[in-house]
Structures are given as structure tokens and as C-alpha cells.
Amino acid sequence: MYGNNLGSGGTADLDFITTLTNCSRLSIAWNQFGGLLPNSITNLTLTLENLHLGSNQIIGTIPSGIENLVNLMEIGFEYNHLTGSRPDSIGKLKNMQAVTLGGNALTGRIPTSIGNLSKLSIIGLANNLLDGRTPAEIGKC
């Protein structure tokens, strides 16, 4: 569903996500999906490996329960309208290889738990409202 004109920018655009029970890859990037990033995203199947929602009109925060997606290897929420901080629990996703969160309005510090992601090879945090120092733990990635 990547790169279409799906969604209306409306509040119910992402309601279908709760029905995905056997999904290993979800890529709805480069569309017109809007509305709040649902907390139910953290209840998706344990087989979910890739989650790409970038370049839409999604608002809200990254749910702290993202750690439930234990097999997640790639997460792309770039160029939406996400706010708040990145949850420290992202450091529990041991299979994570790519995190792209740039182009939002994320605030706060880069969590030190990022150093737990030993398989991480891509990290994109540009164009946010982050502050503080880059944690030394990032060198463990």
C-alpha cells in the first residue's frame, strides 16, 4: 500500500490497524493517512518485522508499548506530526536494524537504551526538537 493516495487525513484513517493479526510487514508510507497513532499498534502480531508509516499526516506519540513488537526489525515513522519523546522501551527491541523518526516534533533526549540495539545500522532522528547530548551508548550500535 506504499506510495498511493490512500487515507483522507481523517481521524479514523488508521482504525483498520487493529484488525491486522497475521501481518509481518506493514508499509503504508507515502499516503494521506491521518489521525492519531493508535495504541493498538502495540498489539499487532508478534511476527511483525517491518512497520513503515512515514510521510503521512499521523499525529500523537509513539506508544510506550512498542516493546511488545519483539520481532520488529525496522520502524519508520518519519515525516508525520508525532510529538513527545521516544519511549525508552524501544531499547528492548533486540532485533531492531533501522529506526527512522526524522521530520516530526519529537522532544527530549535520545534515550540511552538505544545502546541496547546491537543490530542497529540505520538511525534517522533529523528535523525534530531533540535536546541534550548524544548518549555514548549509541556507539554500541
Protein backbone atom coordinates (compact mmCIF):
# COMPACT_ATOMS: atom_id res chain seq x y z
CA MET A 1 0.00 0.00 0.00
CA TYR A 2 3.13 2.15 -0.10
CA GLY A 3 3.08 5.32 -2.22
CA ASN A 4 -0.57 5.71 -3.10
CA ASN A 5 -3.22 8.25 -2.25
CA LEU A 6 -4.86 6.19 0.49
CA GLY A 7 -6.45 7.83 3.50
CA SER A 8 -8.19 11.14 3.84
CA GLY A 9 -6.13 12.71 6.61
CA GLY A 10 -9.09 11.96 8.87
CA THR A 11 -9.24 10.72 12.43
CA ALA A 12 -10.44 7.20 11.54
CA ASP A 13 -7.86 6.51 8.83
CA LEU A 14 -5.82 4.09 10.95
CA ASP A 15 -8.72 2.18 12.51
CA PHE A 16 -8.02 -0.79 10.23
CA ILE A 17 -4.71 -1.44 12.02
CA THR A 18 -6.48 -3.17 14.91
CA THR A 19 -7.72 -5.88 12.53
CA LEU A 20 -4.25 -6.91 11.36
CA THR A 21 -3.49 -10.18 13.12
CA ASN A 22 -1.13 -12.03 10.78
CA CYS A 23 0.88 -9.19 9.35
CA SER A 24 4.67 -9.45 9.16
CA ARG A 25 5.20 -6.25 7.13
CA LEU A 26 3.08 -3.12 7.16
CA SER A 27 4.10 -0.34 4.81
CA ILE A 28 1.58 2.44 4.36
CA ALA A 29 4.17 5.18 3.89
CA TRP A 30 3.74 7.97 1.36
CA ASN A 31 -0.04 8.15 1.54
CA GLN A 32 -2.56 10.54 3.09
CA PHE A 33 -3.27 8.65 6.31
CA GLY A 34 -4.08 10.91 9.22
CA GLY A 35 -5.38 10.72 12.73
CA LEU A 36 -3.90 9.57 15.98
CA LEU A 37 -1.29 6.80 16.00
CA PRO A 38 -3.35 4.15 17.81
CA ASN A 39 -2.02 2.46 20.94
CA SER A 40 -3.40 -0.76 19.46
CA ILE A 41 -0.39 -0.76 17.14
CA THR A 42 1.50 -2.32 20.05
CA ASN A 43 -0.90 -5.30 19.98
CA LEU A 44 -0.05 -6.32 16.44
CA THR A 45 1.16 -9.82 15.80
CA LEU A 46 4.45 -10.99 17.26
CA THR A 47 5.56 -11.77 13.71
CA LEU A 48 5.60 -8.09 12.69
CA GLU A 49 9.10 -7.31 11.39
CA ASN A 50 8.68 -4.07 9.40
CA LEU A 51 6.45 -1.14 10.28
CA HIS A 52 6.61 1.81 7.89
CA LEU A 53 4.13 4.65 8.41
CA GLY A 54 6.30 7.54 7.19
CA SER A 55 5.26 10.53 5.10
CA ASN A 56 1.63 10.68 6.16
CA GLN A 57 -0.31 13.04 8.42
CA ILE A 58 -0.27 10.93 11.59
CA ILE A 59 -0.38 12.69 14.95
CA GLY A 60 0.16 11.62 18.55
CA THR A 61 3.01 9.95 20.38
CA ILE A 62 4.92 6.72 19.91
CA PRO A 63 3.23 4.30 22.32
CA SER A 64 5.43 3.02 25.15
CA GLY A 65 4.11 -0.50 24.50
CA ILE A 66 6.12 -0.60 21.26
CA GLU A 67 8.36 -3.04 23.14
CA ASN A 68 5.65 -5.69 22.64
CA LEU A 69 6.67 -5.98 18.98
CA VAL A 70 9.64 -8.16 19.88
CA ASN A 71 10.48 -9.23 16.30
CA LEU A 72 10.42 -5.72 14.88
CA MET A 73 13.50 -5.06 12.72
CA GLU A 74 12.52 -1.76 11.06
CA ILE A 75 10.38 1.10 12.22
CA GLY A 76 9.72 4.14 10.06
CA PHE A 77 7.54 6.94 11.42
CA GLU A 78 9.40 9.74 9.62
CA TYR A 79 7.71 12.89 8.32
CA ASN A 80 4.46 12.82 10.21
CA HIS A 81 3.30 15.07 13.05
CA LEU A 82 4.38 12.97 16.03
CA THR A 83 5.16 14.69 19.32
CA GLY A 84 6.53 13.76 22.72
CA SER A 85 9.62 11.73 23.45
CA ARG A 86 10.71 8.40 22.11
CA PRO A 87 9.93 5.71 24.65
CA ASP A 88 12.91 4.18 26.45
CA SER A 89 11.30 0.81 25.79
CA ILE A 90 12.50 0.99 22.19
CA GLY A 91 15.81 -0.26 23.57
CA LYS A 92 14.17 -3.62 24.30
CA LEU A 93 13.70 -4.40 20.61
CA LYS A 94 16.83 -6.52 20.21
CA ASN A 95 16.23 -7.28 16.51
CA MET A 96 15.96 -3.62 15.50
CA GLN A 97 18.10 -2.73 12.49
CA ALA A 98 16.59 0.59 11.35
CA VAL A 99 14.83 3.41 13.21
CA THR A 100 13.72 6.43 11.18
CA LEU A 101 11.82 9.06 13.14
CA GLY A 102 13.02 12.26 11.46
CA GLY A 103 10.77 15.11 10.41
CA ASN A 104 8.41 15.08 13.38
CA ALA A 105 8.25 17.20 16.52
CA LEU A 106 9.78 14.69 18.94
CA THR A 107 11.28 16.25 22.05
CA GLY A 108 13.63 15.36 24.85
CA ARG A 109 16.84 13.39 24.85
CA ILE A 110 17.88 10.38 22.83
CA PRO A 111 17.36 7.52 25.29
CA THR A 112 20.48 5.70 26.46
CA SER A 113 18.60 2.44 25.87
CA ILE A 114 19.39 2.94 22.17
CA GLY A 115 22.74 1.34 23.01
CA ASN A 116 20.93 -1.96 23.57
CA LEU A 117 20.18 -2.19 19.84
CA SER A 118 23.33 -4.00 18.78
CA LYS A 119 21.94 -4.80 15.30
CA LEU A 120 21.00 -1.17 14.55
CA SER A 121 22.65 0.10 11.37
CA ILE A 122 20.31 2.98 10.43
CA ILE A 123 19.12 5.70 12.77
CA GLY A 124 17.32 8.78 11.50
CA LEU A 125 16.33 11.43 14.01
CA ALA A 126 16.90 14.61 11.97
CA ASN A 127 14.49 17.54 11.96
CA ASN A 128 12.92 17.03 15.38
CA LEU A 129 13.12 19.08 18.59
CA LEU A 130 15.59 16.86 20.42
CA ASP A 131 17.95 18.28 23.02
CA GLY A 132 20.80 17.25 25.26
CA ARG A 133 23.87 15.26 24.37
CA THR A 134 24.10 12.27 22.10
CA PRO A 135 24.46 9.37 24.53
CA ALA A 136 27.75 7.50 24.46
CA GLU A 137 25.73 4.28 24.37
CA ILE A 138 24.89 4.97 20.74
CA GLY A 139 28.41 3.79 19.95
CA LYS A 140 27.34 0.23 20.84
CA CYS A 141 25.02 0.10 17.84
